Amino acid sequence: MRVALQIDITHPVTGEHSSTLILAHVKYFHVRKDMLTGRGAVDLTKFKPVARVGDISYARVGDTYRVPVPSWAQEEAKIQEALKTLASP
């Protein structure tokens, strides 16, 4: 993995290095096949990821929900109309 950005985080008062933030563009990762849904997406109810949220605190993924991706073909007219409205004085 090529690291895109690495930032050393220092305490604002003591100047002590407390942690490192790494931001990366991940192209691939491996997951067992039994962790996938029928559509090939990671099933979060099986995978149960954990995130570090700061200091000594961690969190689990809880409720998940789906948001449909808008289709340009269906939304184009509305977007064009909104752009015209914004462009007019």
N, C-alpha and C. Protein backbone atom coordinates (compact mmCIF):
# COMPACT_ATOMS: atom_id res chain seq x y z
N MET A 1 0.85 -1.18 0.00
CA MET A 1 0.00 0.00 0.00
C MET A 1 0.89 1.24 0.00
N ARG A 2 0.60 2.17 -0.87
CA ARG A 2 1.32 3.43 -0.92
C ARG A 2 0.58 4.43 -0.04
N VAL A 3 1.26 5.02 0.93
CA VAL A 3 0.63 5.98 1.83
C VAL A 3 0.48 7.30 1.10
N ALA A 4 -0.74 7.81 1.07
CA ALA A 4 -1.00 9.08 0.39
C ALA A 4 -0.59 10.26 1.27
N LEU A 5 -0.85 10.17 2.56
CA LEU A 5 -0.55 11.27 3.45
C LEU A 5 -0.37 10.73 4.85
N GLN A 6 0.74 11.10 5.50
CA GLN A 6 1.00 10.69 6.87
C GLN A 6 1.22 11.94 7.70
N ILE A 7 0.46 12.09 8.77
CA ILE A 7 0.54 13.28 9.61
C ILE A 7 0.83 12.87 11.05
N ASP A 8 1.93 13.36 11.60
CA ASP A 8 2.22 13.12 13.01
C ASP A 8 1.41 14.11 13.83
N ILE A 9 0.67 13.60 14.80
CA ILE A 9 -0.19 14.45 15.63
C ILE A 9 0.51 14.69 16.95
N THR A 10 0.62 15.96 17.31
CA THR A 10 1.30 16.32 18.56
C THR A 10 0.32 16.98 19.52
N HIS A 11 0.60 16.80 20.79
CA HIS A 11 -0.23 17.41 21.84
C HIS A 11 -0.06 18.92 21.76
N PRO A 12 -1.16 19.69 21.79
CA PRO A 12 -1.06 21.14 21.60
C PRO A 12 -0.30 21.88 22.72
N VAL A 13 -0.23 21.29 23.91
CA VAL A 13 0.46 21.97 25.02
C VAL A 13 1.88 21.45 25.19
N THR A 14 2.04 20.13 25.25
CA THR A 14 3.36 19.57 25.53
C THR A 14 4.21 19.40 24.28
N GLY A 15 3.57 19.36 23.11
CA GLY A 15 4.32 19.14 21.88
C GLY A 15 4.73 17.69 21.69
N GLU A 16 4.28 16.82 22.59
CA GLU A 16 4.63 15.41 22.53
C GLU A 16 3.87 14.73 21.39
N HIS A 17 4.60 13.89 20.64
CA HIS A 17 3.98 13.12 19.54
C HIS A 17 3.05 12.10 20.16
N SER A 18 1.75 12.20 19.84
CA SER A 18 0.78 11.31 20.48
C SER A 18 0.25 10.22 19.55
N SER A 19 0.19 10.47 18.26
CA SER A 19 -0.28 9.46 17.32
C SER A 19 0.03 9.89 15.90
N THR A 20 -0.29 9.01 14.96
CA THR A 20 -0.06 9.29 13.55
C THR A 20 -1.35 9.02 12.78
N LEU A 21 -1.72 9.95 11.93
CA LEU A 21 -2.88 9.80 11.06
C LEU A 21 -2.38 9.44 9.67
N ILE A 22 -2.91 8.36 9.13
CA ILE A 22 -2.52 7.93 7.79
C ILE A 22 -3.76 7.92 6.92
N LEU A 23 -3.72 8.66 5.83
CA LEU A 23 -4.81 8.69 4.86
C LEU A 23 -4.31 8.01 3.59
N ALA A 24 -5.09 7.06 3.10
CA ALA A 24 -4.65 6.32 1.93
C ALA A 24 -5.82 6.01 1.02
N HIS A 25 -5.52 5.82 -0.23
CA HIS A 25 -6.51 5.37 -1.23
C HIS A 25 -6.33 3.86 -1.33
N VAL A 26 -7.28 3.10 -0.80
CA VAL A 26 -7.19 1.65 -0.82
C VAL A 26 -7.93 1.13 -2.04
N LYS A 27 -7.20 0.42 -2.90
CA LYS A 27 -7.81 -0.10 -4.12
C LYS A 27 -8.44 -1.47 -3.90
N TYR A 28 -7.82 -2.30 -3.11
CA TYR A 28 -8.31 -3.65 -2.89
C TYR A 28 -8.08 -4.05 -1.44
N PHE A 29 -8.95 -4.89 -0.93
CA PHE A 29 -8.69 -5.56 0.33
C PHE A 29 -9.33 -6.94 0.26
N HIS A 30 -8.84 -7.85 1.04
CA HIS A 30 -9.31 -9.22 0.99
C HIS A 30 -10.26 -9.49 2.15
N VAL A 31 -11.32 -10.22 1.86
CA VAL A 31 -12.28 -10.61 2.88
C VAL A 31 -12.77 -12.02 2.53
N ARG A 32 -13.04 -12.80 3.56
CA ARG A 32 -13.52 -14.17 3.31
C ARG A 32 -14.85 -14.14 2.58
N LYS A 33 -15.08 -15.13 1.74
CA LYS A 33 -16.31 -15.19 0.96
C LYS A 33 -17.55 -15.30 1.83
N ASP A 34 -17.44 -15.91 3.00
CA ASP A 34 -18.62 -16.04 3.86
C ASP A 34 -18.99 -14.71 4.54
N MET A 35 -18.19 -13.66 4.35
CA MET A 35 -18.49 -12.33 4.88
C MET A 35 -19.23 -11.47 3.85
N LEU A 36 -19.50 -12.01 2.66
CA LEU A 36 -20.13 -11.25 1.59
C LEU A 36 -21.62 -11.53 1.50
N THR A 37 -22.35 -10.53 1.02
CA THR A 37 -23.77 -10.71 0.74
C THR A 37 -23.92 -11.42 -0.59
N GLY A 38 -25.14 -11.74 -0.95
CA GLY A 38 -25.39 -12.36 -2.24
C GLY A 38 -25.00 -11.48 -3.41
N ARG A 39 -24.94 -10.15 -3.18
CA ARG A 39 -24.56 -9.20 -4.23
C ARG A 39 -23.06 -8.92 -4.26
N GLY A 40 -22.30 -9.55 -3.35
CA GLY A 40 -20.85 -9.37 -3.35
C GLY A 40 -20.34 -8.24 -2.49
N ALA A 41 -21.22 -7.58 -1.74
CA ALA A 41 -20.81 -6.51 -0.83
C ALA A 41 -20.49 -7.11 0.54
N VAL A 42 -19.67 -6.41 1.33
CA VAL A 42 -19.34 -6.87 2.67
C VAL A 42 -20.59 -6.79 3.54
N ASP A 43 -20.93 -7.89 4.20
CA ASP A 43 -22.08 -7.95 5.10
C ASP A 43 -21.62 -7.48 6.48
N LEU A 44 -21.99 -6.27 6.86
CA LEU A 44 -21.51 -5.69 8.12
C LEU A 44 -22.03 -6.42 9.35
N THR A 45 -23.14 -7.14 9.23
CA THR A 45 -23.62 -7.91 10.38
C THR A 45 -22.74 -9.12 10.65
N LYS A 46 -22.03 -9.57 9.64
CA LYS A 46 -21.09 -10.68 9.82
C LYS A 46 -19.67 -10.17 10.06
N PHE A 47 -19.29 -9.14 9.37
CA PHE A 47 -17.93 -8.61 9.41
C PHE A 47 -17.61 -7.94 10.75
N LYS A 48 -18.57 -7.19 11.29
CA LYS A 48 -18.47 -6.50 12.58
C LYS A 48 -17.20 -5.66 12.74
N PRO A 49 -17.02 -4.65 11.90
CA PRO A 49 -15.82 -3.82 12.00
C PRO A 49 -15.80 -2.98 13.28
N VAL A 50 -14.61 -2.62 13.72
CA VAL A 50 -14.40 -1.78 14.90
C VAL A 50 -13.58 -0.58 14.46
N ALA A 51 -13.94 0.60 14.99
CA ALA A 51 -13.22 1.83 14.63
C ALA A 51 -12.68 2.48 15.90
N ARG A 52 -11.49 3.02 15.80
CA ARG A 52 -10.96 3.83 16.89
C ARG A 52 -11.46 5.24 16.69
N VAL A 53 -12.14 5.79 17.70
CA VAL A 53 -12.76 7.11 17.55
C VAL A 53 -12.05 8.20 18.35
N GLY A 54 -10.95 7.89 18.96
CA GLY A 54 -10.18 8.90 19.66
C GLY A 54 -9.82 8.45 21.06
N ASP A 55 -8.66 8.93 21.53
CA ASP A 55 -8.16 8.61 22.86
C ASP A 55 -8.15 7.09 23.02
N ILE A 56 -8.84 6.57 24.02
CA ILE A 56 -8.89 5.12 24.21
C ILE A 56 -10.27 4.57 23.85
N SER A 57 -11.04 5.34 23.07
CA SER A 57 -12.41 4.96 22.73
C SER A 57 -12.48 4.26 21.38
N TYR A 58 -13.31 3.23 21.34
CA TYR A 58 -13.54 2.47 20.12
C TYR A 58 -15.05 2.36 19.91
N ALA A 59 -15.46 2.06 18.69
CA ALA A 59 -16.89 1.92 18.39
C ALA A 59 -17.10 0.77 17.42
N ARG A 60 -18.28 0.15 17.52
CA ARG A 60 -18.68 -0.88 16.57
C ARG A 60 -19.70 -0.28 15.62
N VAL A 61 -19.76 -0.81 14.42
CA VAL A 61 -20.79 -0.38 13.48
C VAL A 61 -22.11 -0.92 14.00
N GLY A 62 -23.08 -0.03 14.15
CA GLY A 62 -24.39 -0.44 14.66
C GLY A 62 -25.39 -0.59 13.53
N ASP A 63 -26.40 0.22 13.57
CA ASP A 63 -27.43 0.16 12.54
C ASP A 63 -26.86 0.58 11.19
N THR A 64 -27.24 -0.14 10.17
CA THR A 64 -26.84 0.24 8.81
C THR A 64 -28.11 0.53 8.01
N TYR A 65 -27.97 1.32 7.00
CA TYR A 65 -29.10 1.65 6.14
C TYR A 65 -28.57 1.89 4.74
N ARG A 66 -29.46 1.85 3.78
CA ARG A 66 -29.08 2.03 2.38
C ARG A 66 -29.70 3.32 1.86
N VAL A 67 -28.94 4.03 1.06
CA VAL A 67 -29.41 5.25 0.41
C VAL A 67 -29.25 5.03 -1.09
N PRO A 68 -30.35 5.07 -1.85
CA PRO A 68 -30.22 4.83 -3.28
C PRO A 68 -29.40 5.93 -3.97
N VAL A 69 -28.61 5.51 -4.93
CA VAL A 69 -27.81 6.45 -5.71
C VAL A 69 -28.70 7.03 -6.80
N PRO A 70 -28.81 8.37 -6.88
CA PRO A 70 -29.67 8.95 -7.91
C PRO A 70 -29.16 8.64 -9.32
N SER A 71 -30.07 8.48 -10.23
CA SER A 71 -29.74 8.23 -11.62
C SER A 71 -29.74 9.56 -12.37
N TRP A 72 -28.68 9.85 -13.10
CA TRP A 72 -28.59 11.10 -13.84
C TRP A 72 -29.75 11.22 -14.82
N ALA A 73 -30.12 10.11 -15.44
CA ALA A 73 -31.21 10.13 -16.42
C ALA A 73 -32.52 10.58 -15.76
N GLN A 74 -32.73 10.21 -14.51
CA GLN A 74 -33.95 10.57 -13.81
C GLN A 74 -33.87 11.97 -13.19
N GLU A 75 -32.69 12.43 -12.85
CA GLU A 75 -32.52 13.68 -12.12
C GLU A 75 -32.08 14.86 -13.00
N GLU A 76 -31.69 14.61 -14.24
CA GLU A 76 -31.11 15.65 -15.10
C GLU A 76 -32.02 16.86 -15.24
N ALA A 77 -33.30 16.64 -15.52
CA ALA A 77 -34.22 17.77 -15.74
C ALA A 77 -34.31 18.66 -14.50
N LYS A 78 -34.41 18.04 -13.32
CA LYS A 78 -34.49 18.81 -12.07
C LYS A 78 -33.22 19.61 -11.83
N ILE A 79 -32.08 19.00 -12.11
CA ILE A 79 -30.79 19.67 -11.90
C ILE A 79 -30.64 20.83 -12.88
N GLN A 80 -30.99 20.61 -14.14
CA GLN A 80 -30.88 21.68 -15.14
C GLN A 80 -31.78 22.86 -14.75
N GLU A 81 -32.99 22.58 -14.29
CA GLU A 81 -33.92 23.63 -13.87
C GLU A 81 -33.36 24.40 -12.67
N ALA A 82 -32.78 23.68 -11.71
CA ALA A 82 -32.19 24.34 -10.54
C ALA A 82 -31.02 25.23 -10.96
N LEU A 83 -30.21 24.77 -11.92
CA LEU A 83 -29.08 25.58 -12.39
C LEU A 83 -29.57 26.85 -13.09
N LYS A 84 -30.64 26.72 -13.87
CA LYS A 84 -31.22 27.92 -14.52
C LYS A 84 -31.70 28.92 -13.47
N THR A 85 -32.34 28.43 -12.44
CA THR A 85 -32.84 29.28 -11.36
C THR A 85 -31.69 30.01 -10.67
N LEU A 86 -30.59 29.30 -10.44
CA LEU A 86 -29.44 29.92 -9.79
C LEU A 86 -28.78 30.96 -10.69
N ALA A 87 -28.80 30.72 -12.00
CA ALA A 87 -28.13 31.61 -12.95
C ALA A 87 -28.92 32.88 -13.20
N SER A 88 -30.24 32.84 -13.00
CA SER A 88 -31.04 34.05 -13.28
C SER A 88 -30.97 35.01 -12.10
N PRO A 89 -30.94 36.34 -12.43
CA PRO A 89 -30.79 37.35 -11.36
C PRO A 89 -31.97 37.50 -10.47
